[in-house]
Every structure is written in structure tokens, then in C-alpha cells.
Amino acid sequence: MVCSEHSNLSVDGEKGSLEHLPNEKKEALNRIRTVIGHARGIEKMIEEERYCIDILKQIAAVQSSLSKLSHLLTKDHMRICVSEAIREGEGEDKIDELVEVLKYLRSS
């Protein structure tokens, strides 16, 4: 997760809040690796022309994993980036940024 100008790690010119939360970073990496594994499994199931319901169950598992990951990152972003921006008097921009991304997460 990226939090501009609020920590010491740089990612594409911006800073990441997960640097402050090593357990959450580990959990996020585990979740995305699980998603990648499930996605590869879905690809193989489609190639093998498996039963549609079985494929749909795997898709549901991926969606659930992605949802859990987005909740984790949203929580971490609020705990680190938004709270720090509020302390620095720049909370409105971070809140607007979060509201904007939540629209996309909710529609998926």
C-alpha cells in the first residue's frame, strides 16, 4: 500500500505504510499469493473443460480472498496514512482519495 510522503520506503516515488506493519505486510503477501494460486487453478480448470460449478466455486474463493486483502489494505491505510495526514492537516485529501477508491472496490 502506498502513502505519499509519510514514511521511509519508496515505491514508484511514493512511500508505503506496510513498512510500519510487518505482520500485515506478510498477511497481504500470503493473501495475494493464494489468489495467484487459485487463479492458476482456474486457468487449468478451464483448459481441462471442468464442470462450470467447480470453476465458479474457485472464482468465488478468489473473490473472497481479494475482498479480504482489500479490507486489510483499507484498514492499514486508514490506520497509518489517513490518520497521519489528519494530524498534519491534510486529512481531507486522503479521505477523498479513500472514498474514491472505495467506489471501485464496492462495485467489483
C-alpha atoms as a PDB file:
ATOM      1  CA  MET A   1       0.000   0.000   0.000  1.00  0.00           C
ATOM      2  CA  VAL A   2       1.262   3.416  -0.776  1.00  0.00           C
ATOM      3  CA  CYS A   3       1.109   6.500   1.379  1.00  0.00           C
ATOM      4  CA  SER A   4       2.749   9.515  -0.196  1.00  0.00           C
ATOM      5  CA  GLU A   5       5.472  11.313   1.705  1.00  0.00           C
ATOM      6  CA  HIS A   6       4.679   9.597   5.042  1.00  0.00           C
ATOM      7  CA  SER A   7       7.440   7.040   5.626  1.00  0.00           C
ATOM      8  CA  ASN A   8      10.951   5.973   4.678  1.00  0.00           C
ATOM      9  CA  LEU A   9      10.315   3.319   1.978  1.00  0.00           C
ATOM     10  CA  SER A  10       9.892   4.405  -1.614  1.00  0.00           C
ATOM     11  CA  VAL A  11       7.682   2.590  -4.104  1.00  0.00           C
ATOM     12  CA  ASP A  12       7.362   4.278  -7.520  1.00  0.00           C
ATOM     13  CA  GLY A  13       8.216   7.603  -5.907  1.00  0.00           C
ATOM     14  CA  GLU A  14       5.760   7.210  -3.045  1.00  0.00           C
ATOM     15  CA  LYS A  15       6.013   5.708   0.431  1.00  0.00           C
ATOM     16  CA  GLY A  16       4.380   2.552   1.786  1.00  0.00           C
ATOM     17  CA  SER A  17       2.617   2.230   5.108  1.00  0.00           C
ATOM     18  CA  LEU A  18       3.094  -1.533   5.269  1.00  0.00           C
ATOM     19  CA  GLU A  19       6.671  -0.822   6.274  1.00  0.00           C
ATOM     20  CA  HIS A  20       5.229   0.045   9.700  1.00  0.00           C
ATOM     21  CA  LEU A  21       3.114  -3.127   9.821  1.00  0.00           C
ATOM     22  CA  PRO A  22       5.303  -6.156   9.057  1.00  0.00           C
ATOM     23  CA  ASN A  23       2.677  -8.699  10.160  1.00  0.00           C
ATOM     24  CA  GLU A  24       0.050  -7.103   7.926  1.00  0.00           C
ATOM     25  CA  LYS A  25       2.529  -7.000   5.045  1.00  0.00           C
ATOM     26  CA  LYS A  26       3.179 -10.721   5.496  1.00  0.00           C
ATOM     27  CA  GLU A  27      -0.565 -11.389   5.594  1.00  0.00           C
ATOM     28  CA  ALA A  28      -1.135  -9.289   2.454  1.00  0.00           C
ATOM     29  CA  LEU A  29       1.592 -11.174   0.588  1.00  0.00           C
ATOM     30  CA  ASN A  30       0.139 -14.522   1.690  1.00  0.00           C
ATOM     31  CA  ARG A  31      -3.324 -13.478   0.537  1.00  0.00           C
ATOM     32  CA  ILE A  32      -2.167 -12.316  -2.905  1.00  0.00           C
ATOM     33  CA  ARG A  33      -0.109 -15.477  -3.359  1.00  0.00           C
ATOM     34  CA  THR A  34      -3.223 -17.510  -2.526  1.00  0.00           C
ATOM     35  CA  VAL A  35      -5.176 -15.531  -5.130  1.00  0.00           C
ATOM     36  CA  ILE A  36      -2.486 -16.167  -7.735  1.00  0.00           C
ATOM     37  CA  GLY A  37      -2.534 -19.884  -6.961  1.00  0.00           C
ATOM     38  CA  HIS A  38      -6.329 -20.047  -7.228  1.00  0.00           C
ATOM     39  CA  ALA A  39      -6.249 -18.074 -10.497  1.00  0.00           C
ATOM     40  CA  ARG A  40      -3.760 -20.532 -11.987  1.00  0.00           C
ATOM     41  CA  GLY A  41      -6.031 -23.339 -10.834  1.00  0.00           C
ATOM     42  CA  ILE A  42      -8.997 -21.711 -12.557  1.00  0.00           C
ATOM     43  CA  GLU A  43      -6.995 -21.371 -15.756  1.00  0.00           C
ATOM     44  CA  LYS A  44      -6.151 -25.069 -15.648  1.00  0.00           C
ATOM     45  CA  MET A  45      -9.764 -25.998 -14.900  1.00  0.00           C
ATOM     46  CA  ILE A  46     -10.928 -24.024 -17.940  1.00  0.00           C
ATOM     47  CA  GLU A  47      -8.254 -25.628 -20.129  1.00  0.00           C
ATOM     48  CA  GLU A  48      -9.391 -29.049 -18.905  1.00  0.00           C
ATOM     49  CA  GLU A  49     -13.046 -28.133 -19.536  1.00  0.00           C
ATOM     50  CA  ARG A  50     -14.019 -28.868 -15.951  1.00  0.00           C
ATOM     51  CA  TYR A  51     -17.562 -28.596 -14.654  1.00  0.00           C
ATOM     52  CA  CYS A  52     -18.718 -24.958 -14.606  1.00  0.00           C
ATOM     53  CA  ILE A  53     -19.921 -25.108 -10.992  1.00  0.00           C
ATOM     54  CA  ASP A  54     -16.469 -26.222  -9.829  1.00  0.00           C
ATOM     55  CA  ILE A  55     -14.886 -23.310 -11.707  1.00  0.00           C
ATOM     56  CA  LEU A  56     -17.422 -20.881 -10.244  1.00  0.00           C
ATOM     57  CA  LYS A  57     -16.587 -22.111  -6.740  1.00  0.00           C
ATOM     58  CA  GLN A  58     -12.923 -21.339  -7.357  1.00  0.00           C
ATOM     59  CA  ILE A  59     -13.826 -17.910  -8.718  1.00  0.00           C
ATOM     60  CA  ALA A  60     -15.814 -17.274  -5.524  1.00  0.00           C
ATOM     61  CA  ALA A  61     -12.744 -18.256  -3.482  1.00  0.00           C
ATOM     62  CA  VAL A  62     -10.602 -15.752  -5.424  1.00  0.00           C
ATOM     63  CA  GLN A  63     -13.189 -13.008  -4.970  1.00  0.00           C
ATOM     64  CA  SER A  64     -13.326 -13.704  -1.243  1.00  0.00           C
ATOM     65  CA  SER A  65      -9.537 -13.621  -0.940  1.00  0.00           C
ATOM     66  CA  LEU A  66      -9.338 -10.348  -2.865  1.00  0.00           C
ATOM     67  CA  SER A  67     -12.074  -8.861  -0.699  1.00  0.00           C
ATOM     68  CA  LYS A  68     -10.179  -9.810   2.467  1.00  0.00           C
ATOM     69  CA  LEU A  69      -6.999  -8.303   1.012  1.00  0.00           C
ATOM     70  CA  SER A  70      -8.746  -5.047   0.121  1.00  0.00           C
ATOM     71  CA  HIS A  71     -10.213  -4.823   3.625  1.00  0.00           C
ATOM     72  CA  LEU A  72      -6.778  -5.388   5.167  1.00  0.00           C
ATOM     73  CA  LEU A  73      -5.175  -2.711   2.990  1.00  0.00           C
ATOM     74  CA  THR A  74      -8.033  -0.268   3.580  1.00  0.00           C
ATOM     75  CA  LYS A  75      -7.745  -0.711   7.339  1.00  0.00           C
ATOM     76  CA  ASP A  76      -3.971  -0.263   7.232  1.00  0.00           C
ATOM     77  CA  HIS A  77      -4.278   2.800   5.009  1.00  0.00           C
ATOM     78  CA  MET A  78      -6.699   4.401   7.453  1.00  0.00           C
ATOM     79  CA  ARG A  79      -4.548   3.499  10.468  1.00  0.00           C
ATOM     80  CA  ILE A  80      -1.330   4.873   9.003  1.00  0.00           C
ATOM     81  CA  CYS A  81      -1.796   7.198   6.037  1.00  0.00           C
ATOM     82  CA  VAL A  82      -5.152   8.814   6.773  1.00  0.00           C
ATOM     83  CA  SER A  83      -4.532   9.288  10.482  1.00  0.00           C
ATOM     84  CA  GLU A  84      -1.093  10.796   9.797  1.00  0.00           C
ATOM     85  CA  ALA A  85      -2.500  13.106   7.121  1.00  0.00           C
ATOM     86  CA  ILE A  86      -5.184  14.285   9.549  1.00  0.00           C
ATOM     87  CA  ARG A  87      -2.519  15.050  12.172  1.00  0.00           C
ATOM     88  CA  GLU A  88      -0.642  17.063   9.539  1.00  0.00           C
ATOM     89  CA  GLY A  89      -3.759  18.979   8.489  1.00  0.00           C
ATOM     90  CA  GLU A  90      -4.056  17.198   5.130  1.00  0.00           C
ATOM     91  CA  GLY A  91      -6.813  14.768   6.026  1.00  0.00           C
ATOM     92  CA  GLU A  92      -9.408  15.959   3.513  1.00  0.00           C
ATOM     93  CA  ASP A  93      -7.294  14.913   0.516  1.00  0.00           C
ATOM     94  CA  LYS A  94      -6.598  11.452   1.953  1.00  0.00           C
ATOM     95  CA  ILE A  95     -10.253  10.956   2.861  1.00  0.00           C
ATOM     96  CA  ASP A  96     -11.348  11.995  -0.653  1.00  0.00           C
ATOM     97  CA  GLU A  97      -8.774   9.608  -2.121  1.00  0.00           C
ATOM     98  CA  LEU A  98     -10.092   6.755   0.032  1.00  0.00           C
ATOM     99  CA  VAL A  99     -13.737   7.494  -0.789  1.00  0.00           C
ATOM    100  CA  GLU A 100     -12.881   7.442  -4.499  1.00  0.00           C
ATOM    101  CA  VAL A 101     -11.161   4.057  -4.364  1.00  0.00           C
ATOM    102  CA  LEU A 102     -13.930   2.585  -2.185  1.00  0.00           C
ATOM    103  CA  LYS A 103     -16.406   3.299  -5.003  1.00  0.00           C
ATOM    104  CA  TYR A 104     -14.416   0.994  -7.259  1.00  0.00           C
ATOM    105  CA  LEU A 105     -13.961  -1.694  -4.623  1.00  0.00           C
ATOM    106  CA  ARG A 106     -17.661  -1.758  -3.832  1.00  0.00           C
ATOM    107  CA  SER A 107     -18.674  -2.109  -7.493  1.00  0.00           C
ATOM    108  CA  SER A 108     -16.462  -5.129  -8.076  1.00  0.00           C
END
